[in-house]
Protein backbone atom coordinates (compact mmCIF):
# COMPACT_ATOMS: atom_id res chain seq x y z
CA MET A 1 2.50 0.79 0.82
CA ASP A 2 5.43 2.79 -0.41
CA GLU A 3 5.92 5.79 0.73
CA THR A 4 6.83 8.44 -2.28
CA ASP A 5 9.68 11.43 -1.18
CA PRO A 6 7.82 14.88 -1.15
CA VAL A 7 9.67 17.42 -2.59
CA GLN A 8 11.12 20.40 0.63
CA PRO A 9 10.93 23.90 0.75
CA ASP A 10 14.86 23.84 0.12
CA ASP A 11 14.04 22.02 -2.42
CA ILE A 12 12.81 24.93 -4.29
CA SER A 13 13.86 27.25 -6.04
CA SER A 14 12.61 30.07 -9.59
CA GLY A 15 14.79 27.86 -11.14
CA GLY A 16 13.87 24.61 -10.02
CA HIS A 17 16.73 24.20 -8.98
CA PRO A 18 17.81 22.85 -5.85
CA VAL A 19 19.37 25.27 -3.62
CA SER A 20 20.80 24.14 -0.13
CA ALA A 21 19.76 24.50 3.45
CA GLY A 22 21.46 27.16 4.33
CA ALA A 23 20.61 29.63 0.71
CA SER A 24 18.07 32.54 0.78
CA LEU A 25 15.23 32.23 -1.26
CA THR A 26 15.56 35.35 -4.50
CA ASP A 27 12.59 36.44 -6.44
CA ALA A 28 13.27 35.40 -10.46
CA ARG A 29 12.58 38.90 -11.84
CA THR A 30 13.76 41.24 -9.49
CA GLY A 31 16.63 38.79 -7.75
CA GLN A 32 15.83 40.18 -4.33
CA PRO A 33 15.83 37.86 -0.43
CA LEU A 34 12.73 35.79 -0.10
CA ASP A 35 10.56 36.22 3.27
CA ARG A 36 10.77 32.56 4.83
CA ARG A 37 7.52 33.82 6.85
CA LEU A 38 4.09 33.80 5.36
CA GLY A 39 3.30 37.63 5.81
CA GLY A 40 -0.67 38.15 4.13
CA ASP A 41 -3.64 35.49 5.46
CA LEU A 42 -3.21 32.26 3.98
CA PRO A 43 -5.85 30.06 6.45
CA CYS A 44 -4.51 26.53 6.84
CA VAL A 45 -6.27 23.89 4.28
CA VAL A 46 -7.97 21.49 6.40
CA CYS A 47 -8.92 23.59 9.79
CA LYS A 48 -8.55 27.57 7.55
CA TYR A 49 -5.97 28.84 10.80
CA ASN A 50 -4.80 32.04 9.67
CA LEU A 51 -1.17 30.65 8.45
CA LYS A 52 0.38 34.43 9.00
CA GLY A 53 3.24 34.80 10.57
CA VAL A 54 4.46 30.51 9.93
CA SER A 55 7.70 29.15 8.15
CA ILE A 56 7.23 27.98 4.96
CA ARG A 57 9.04 25.23 6.29
CA GLU A 58 6.68 25.04 9.76
CA ALA A 59 3.42 23.09 10.20
CA CYS A 60 0.09 24.19 10.63
CA PRO A 61 -0.20 25.42 14.90
CA GLU A 62 -3.03 24.04 14.80
CA CYS A 63 -3.54 20.70 13.56
CA GLY A 64 -0.67 19.81 11.77
CA THR A 65 -1.07 20.47 8.37
CA PRO A 66 2.48 21.41 6.53
CA VAL A 67 1.99 24.43 5.21
CA ARG A 68 3.29 23.26 2.12
CA ALA A 69 0.24 22.02 1.59
CA THR A 70 -1.96 24.80 1.78
CA ILE A 71 0.35 26.94 -0.63
CA LEU A 72 0.47 23.42 -2.98
CA ALA A 73 -3.43 23.73 -3.12
CA MET A 74 -3.85 27.65 -3.65
CA VAL A 75 -1.47 27.68 -6.31
CA ASP A 76 -2.10 24.68 -7.77
CA PRO A 77 -5.34 22.66 -6.89
CA TYR A 78 -5.25 20.29 -8.92
CA ALA A 79 -2.65 19.11 -8.31
CA ARG A 80 -1.74 14.68 -8.51
CA GLU A 81 -1.95 14.37 -4.81
CA LEU A 82 -5.10 16.66 -3.28
CA MET A 83 -7.20 15.27 -6.95
CA PRO A 84 -10.79 15.08 -6.46
CA ILE A 85 -12.29 11.75 -4.95
CA PRO A 86 -15.29 11.40 -6.41
CA ARG A 87 -16.29 8.10 -3.25
CA PRO A 88 -13.53 9.26 -0.55
CA ARG A 89 -15.94 7.24 2.54
CA LEU A 90 -16.45 4.35 -0.17
CA VAL A 91 -11.96 4.63 -0.94
CA ALA A 92 -11.40 4.68 3.33
CA ILE A 93 -12.91 1.55 3.07
CA GLY A 94 -11.66 -0.51 0.43
CA LEU A 95 -8.24 0.23 1.53
CA VAL A 96 -9.28 -0.98 5.29
CA ALA A 97 -11.56 -4.18 3.55
CA TRP A 98 -8.62 -4.31 1.34
CA GLY A 99 -6.03 -5.11 4.15
CA PHE A 100 -8.44 -6.69 6.62
CA GLY A 101 -8.92 -9.36 4.01
CA ALA A 102 -5.10 -10.18 3.16
CA LEU A 103 -4.45 -10.46 6.90
CA LEU A 104 -7.08 -12.59 7.66
CA THR A 105 -5.63 -15.22 4.96
CA ALA A 106 -2.94 -15.71 5.29
CA LEU A 107 -3.74 -16.13 9.50
CA LEU A 108 -6.29 -18.13 8.49
CA GLY A 109 -3.91 -19.99 6.77
CA TRP A 110 -0.95 -20.71 9.51
CA LEU A 111 -4.01 -22.42 11.35
CA PRO A 112 -3.91 -25.94 10.09
CA TYR A 113 0.22 -25.99 10.91
CA VAL A 114 -0.53 -25.14 14.84
CA MET A 115 -3.24 -27.23 15.34
CA SER A 116 -6.17 -29.24 14.07
CA ALA A 117 -8.27 -26.30 11.87
CA HIS A 118 -8.82 -28.42 8.71
CA SER A 119 -12.12 -28.22 7.39
CA HIS A 120 -14.66 -26.61 5.41
CA PRO A 121 -15.74 -24.20 7.37
CA TRP A 122 -11.68 -23.09 7.36
CA ARG A 123 -11.69 -24.17 4.20
CA VAL A 124 -14.61 -21.81 3.65
CA ALA A 125 -13.31 -18.70 6.37
CA LEU A 126 -9.93 -18.65 3.82
CA CYS A 127 -11.66 -17.83 0.13
CA THR A 128 -13.82 -15.05 2.65
CA SER A 129 -11.36 -13.14 3.37
CA ALA A 130 -9.23 -13.50 -0.36
CA ALA A 131 -12.75 -11.78 -1.75
CA ILE A 132 -13.20 -9.51 1.11
CA SER A 133 -10.09 -8.59 -0.01
CA GLY A 134 -10.47 -8.34 -3.24
CA LEU A 135 -13.53 -6.74 -3.28
CA GLY A 136 -11.55 -3.78 -1.29
CA ALA A 137 -9.54 -3.33 -4.11
CA LEU A 138 -11.46 -2.71 -6.44
CA VAL A 139 -10.89 0.74 -4.67
CA LEU A 140 -7.06 0.55 -6.63
CA LEU A 141 -9.37 1.06 -9.95
CA ARG A 142 -9.05 4.26 -9.93
CA PRO A 143 -9.00 6.10 -6.91
CA ASN A 144 -8.74 10.30 -8.06
CA ARG A 145 -9.36 11.79 -11.09
CA GLY A 146 -6.32 12.31 -12.58
CA THR A 147 -4.90 8.06 -12.67
CA ARG A 148 -3.73 6.97 -15.69
CA LEU A 149 -5.76 5.25 -18.20
CA SER A 150 -2.55 2.77 -17.91
CA HIS A 151 -2.46 2.49 -14.41
CA CYS A 152 -6.14 2.16 -14.33
CA LEU A 153 -5.74 -1.53 -16.29
CA MET A 154 -2.72 -2.58 -14.68
CA ALA A 155 -5.26 -2.74 -11.32
CA LEU A 156 -7.59 -4.32 -13.56
CA ALA A 157 -5.25 -6.93 -14.18
CA GLY A 158 -4.30 -6.90 -10.51
CA VAL A 159 -7.59 -6.86 -8.75
CA ALA A 160 -9.26 -9.56 -11.46
CA LEU A 161 -5.97 -11.74 -9.94
CA TYR A 162 -7.58 -12.22 -7.76
CA VAL A 163 -9.88 -14.97 -9.33
CA PRO A 164 -7.15 -17.45 -10.17
CA LEU A 165 -5.85 -16.71 -6.92
CA ILE A 166 -9.13 -18.00 -4.88
CA GLY A 167 -9.06 -20.80 -6.95
CA LEU A 168 -5.74 -21.95 -5.76
CA ILE A 169 -6.61 -21.45 -2.19
CA TRP A 170 -9.20 -22.90 -3.22
CA LYS A 171 -7.59 -26.36 -3.90
CA LEU A 172 -4.91 -26.42 -1.47
CA SER A 173 -7.56 -26.48 1.35
CA GLY A 174 -8.56 -28.95 -0.40
CA PRO A 175 -9.95 -32.30 2.37
CA ASP A 176 -7.63 -34.36 -0.14
CA TRP A 177 -4.15 -32.76 1.39
CA VAL A 178 -4.27 -34.43 5.31
CA PHE A 179 -2.92 -31.59 7.49
CA GLU A 180 -0.66 -32.20 10.81
CA PRO A 181 0.42 -29.21 13.50
CA PHE A 182 4.61 -28.74 12.69
CA LYS A 183 4.46 -30.72 10.02
CA PHE A 184 5.62 -29.66 6.48
CA PRO A 185 3.69 -30.33 3.72
CA PRO A 186 0.89 -31.92 3.77
CA MET A 187 0.81 -35.32 2.24
CA SER A 188 -1.89 -36.17 -0.75
CA LEU A 189 -4.52 -38.66 -0.81
CA ASP A 190 -5.02 -38.17 -4.69
CA PRO A 191 -2.22 -39.85 -6.99
CA ASP A 192 -2.88 -37.91 -9.37
CA ALA A 193 -2.65 -34.31 -7.87
CA PRO A 194 -0.42 -32.26 -9.42
CA PRO A 195 2.53 -31.90 -6.34
CA ARG A 196 1.16 -29.43 -3.77
CA ALA A 197 5.11 -27.37 -4.52
CA LEU A 198 3.86 -26.52 -8.30
CA LEU A 199 0.38 -24.90 -6.77
CA ARG A 200 2.67 -23.30 -4.31
CA VAL A 201 4.90 -21.45 -7.30
CA ILE A 202 2.08 -20.63 -9.11
CA LEU A 203 0.36 -18.74 -5.87
CA ASP A 204 3.62 -17.49 -4.48
CA ALA A 205 3.98 -15.72 -8.41
CA THR A 206 0.66 -14.35 -8.73
CA ILE A 207 0.55 -12.72 -5.34
CA ALA A 208 3.43 -11.52 -6.44
CA MET A 209 2.07 -10.06 -9.80
CA MET A 210 -1.51 -9.09 -8.51
CA LEU A 211 1.31 -6.80 -6.16
CA LEU A 212 3.08 -5.34 -8.12
CA LEU A 213 -0.20 -4.32 -11.00
CA LEU A 214 -1.62 -3.02 -7.54
CA ARG A 215 1.60 -0.80 -6.06
CA PRO A 216 1.19 2.45 -8.82
CA ASN A 217 -2.17 3.47 -7.47
CA ALA A 218 -2.21 2.58 -4.47
CA ARG A 219 1.65 5.01 -4.80
CA VAL A 220 -1.00 7.85 -5.86
CA LEU A 221 -2.67 7.20 -2.23
CA VAL A 222 -0.37 7.57 -0.73
CA ALA A 223 0.97 10.66 -2.32
CA ARG A 224 -1.29 12.46 -0.81
CA SER A 225 -1.60 11.45 2.46
CA LEU A 226 2.06 12.70 2.57
CA ALA A 227 0.92 15.95 1.61
CA LEU A 228 -1.49 16.57 4.20
CA ARG A 229 1.11 14.42 6.67
CA MET A 230 -1.90 12.89 8.32
CA GLY A 231 0.17 9.48 9.98
CA ARG A 232 2.87 8.02 8.44
CA VAL A 233 3.13 5.65 5.98
CA ASP A 234 6.01 3.11 6.54
CA ARG A 235 7.95 3.09 3.07
CA GLN A 236 8.04 0.14 0.23
CA THR A 237 6.20 -2.61 2.36
CA MET A 238 4.29 -4.21 -0.96
CA LEU A 239 7.90 -4.66 -2.91
CA ALA A 240 8.95 -6.07 0.13
CA MET A 241 5.67 -8.58 0.01
CA VAL A 242 6.46 -8.86 -3.81
CA ALA A 243 10.09 -10.04 -2.36
CA ALA A 244 8.68 -12.86 0.23
CA ALA A 245 6.33 -14.14 -2.25
CA ALA A 246 10.08 -14.57 -3.98
CA ALA A 247 11.29 -15.88 -1.53
CA ALA A 248 8.22 -18.55 -0.62
CA GLY A 249 8.65 -19.63 -4.33
CA ILE A 250 11.58 -19.79 -4.28
CA GLY A 251 11.66 -22.43 -1.59
CA ASP A 252 8.43 -23.77 -3.16
CA LEU A 253 10.91 -23.95 -6.41
CA VAL A 254 13.37 -26.03 -5.12
CA TRP A 255 11.18 -28.44 -3.91
CA LEU A 256 9.42 -28.85 -6.88
CA LEU A 257 12.76 -29.70 -8.17
CA LEU A 258 15.23 -32.32 -5.57
CA GLY A 259 12.09 -32.36 -3.63
CA ASP A 260 12.79 -36.79 -4.29
CA THR A 261 16.64 -36.31 -4.24
CA ARG A 262 17.75 -38.57 -1.95
CA GLY A 263 20.64 -38.95 0.79
CA ALA A 264 22.50 -35.50 2.40
CA MET A 265 22.05 -33.22 -0.75
CA GLY A 266 18.40 -34.37 -0.75
CA ASP A 267 17.30 -33.36 2.72
CA ALA A 268 19.66 -29.84 2.84
CA ALA A 269 18.08 -28.80 0.44
CA MET A 270 14.58 -30.26 1.99
CA LEU A 271 16.05 -28.10 4.85
CA PHE A 272 16.39 -25.00 2.61
CA SER A 273 13.35 -25.19 1.46
CA ARG A 274 11.41 -25.27 4.28
CA ILE A 275 13.43 -22.39 6.07
CA LEU A 276 12.66 -20.16 3.01
CA VAL A 277 8.78 -20.91 3.06
CA VAL A 278 9.04 -20.54 6.30
CA ILE A 279 10.27 -16.70 5.97
CA GLY A 280 8.55 -15.67 3.04
CA SER A 281 4.88 -17.01 4.90
CA ALA A 282 6.22 -15.03 7.56
CA PHE A 283 7.04 -12.23 6.15
CA LEU A 284 3.89 -11.80 4.09
CA THR A 285 1.96 -11.98 7.12
CA LEU A 286 3.69 -9.21 8.52
CA GLY A 287 3.49 -6.65 5.11
CA ALA A 288 -0.15 -7.92 5.18
CA ALA A 289 -0.68 -6.68 8.87
CA GLY A 290 1.22 -3.08 7.05
CA VAL A 291 -0.77 -3.23 4.44
CA LEU A 292 -4.23 -2.40 6.67
CA ILE A 293 -3.18 -0.13 9.38
CA ASP A 294 -1.36 1.90 6.35
CA GLY A 295 -4.98 1.40 4.75
CA TYR A 296 -6.38 2.69 7.95
CA ARG A 297 -3.73 5.53 7.83
CA ILE A 298 -3.92 6.77 4.90
CA ALA A 299 -7.70 6.60 5.20
CA ARG A 300 -8.32 9.28 7.30
CA ALA A 301 -6.53 11.37 4.73
CA ILE A 302 -8.79 9.98 1.95
CA LEU A 303 -11.79 11.78 4.44
CA VAL A 304 -10.45 15.50 4.29
CA PRO A 305 -12.22 16.82 1.60
CA THR A 306 -10.35 18.01 -1.06
CA PRO A 307 -9.25 22.30 -1.08
CA THR A 308 -10.16 24.29 -4.46
CA LEU A 309 -8.76 27.24 -5.13
CA ALA A 310 -12.50 29.70 -5.11
CA GLN A 311 -12.85 27.93 -0.82
CA VAL A 312 -9.00 28.94 -0.64
CA ILE A 313 -9.17 32.42 -1.99
CA ALA A 314 -12.52 32.92 -0.92
CA ALA A 315 -11.70 32.29 3.02
CA GLY A 316 -8.86 34.23 2.53
CA THR A 317 -11.08 37.45 1.84
CA THR A 318 -12.44 37.04 4.26
CA ASN A 319 -10.00 36.76 7.30
CA SER A 320 -7.93 39.64 4.67
CA PRO A 321 -8.69 43.12 6.56
CA SER A 322 -10.31 45.26 4.55
């Protein structure tokens, strides 16, 4: 999943222009320099530790939450990163299921190429794991109450693509194909069946389009995790998976167009095609593992209760001297 770059305290000024690390912050009304340390009582948005005396550049000594996240919650409790999530536990479970199903599908897809695993139970398990990933992706339809309608519609289209995706997986894993370990591609027993390379090109295009449609709403949850710093989220995982699917698709397209070519040119084209398909498929598998890891980390941030302005003010009043 992709990470949204945060606005650092050094980049904020009263006029909205970047401020260098060595420059001092000034009050817009008086022109006097502002202290970089909190002079009043301010409870941490996560653990309620009093941040008085802590630099705005630092993190809470108790739980590690950046001070800027607490300031953001106080001055803008309706910020996009902190918008309430209606069912946080369901969203957290869905994110993990999304990544787990995708990784399991990828791993099961490799089995017939490394051992004799082509059977009906394997075929059912392959499609079931893809369905689990699709069910988990449902939580991306509207991750929080501030999600844009256009992004919700894109996510809906992305989830809908799981239907043809599972259909293609079912077709590509059917009994009409003869799988042999360490041999690619499988042979077809049906002379009237469409070329396997054509089906794989459609499959790769479906995966790439699905990832692009789900990405905007996934970034919303990444931004929340980043604001609270609940575990680092790797950069550009979904875009890397799109590139991997494109590489595999190009390899299948080369096979489709030049598969019947004879001679040295045909052999070179087949070798190039195999390399692209293997590399693309391998990086798709690694990307699915990355999505699962990132999903678990983001789930931790989702389970942190969303602060409200009333809670922050009430806590600050309690900790302030009478």
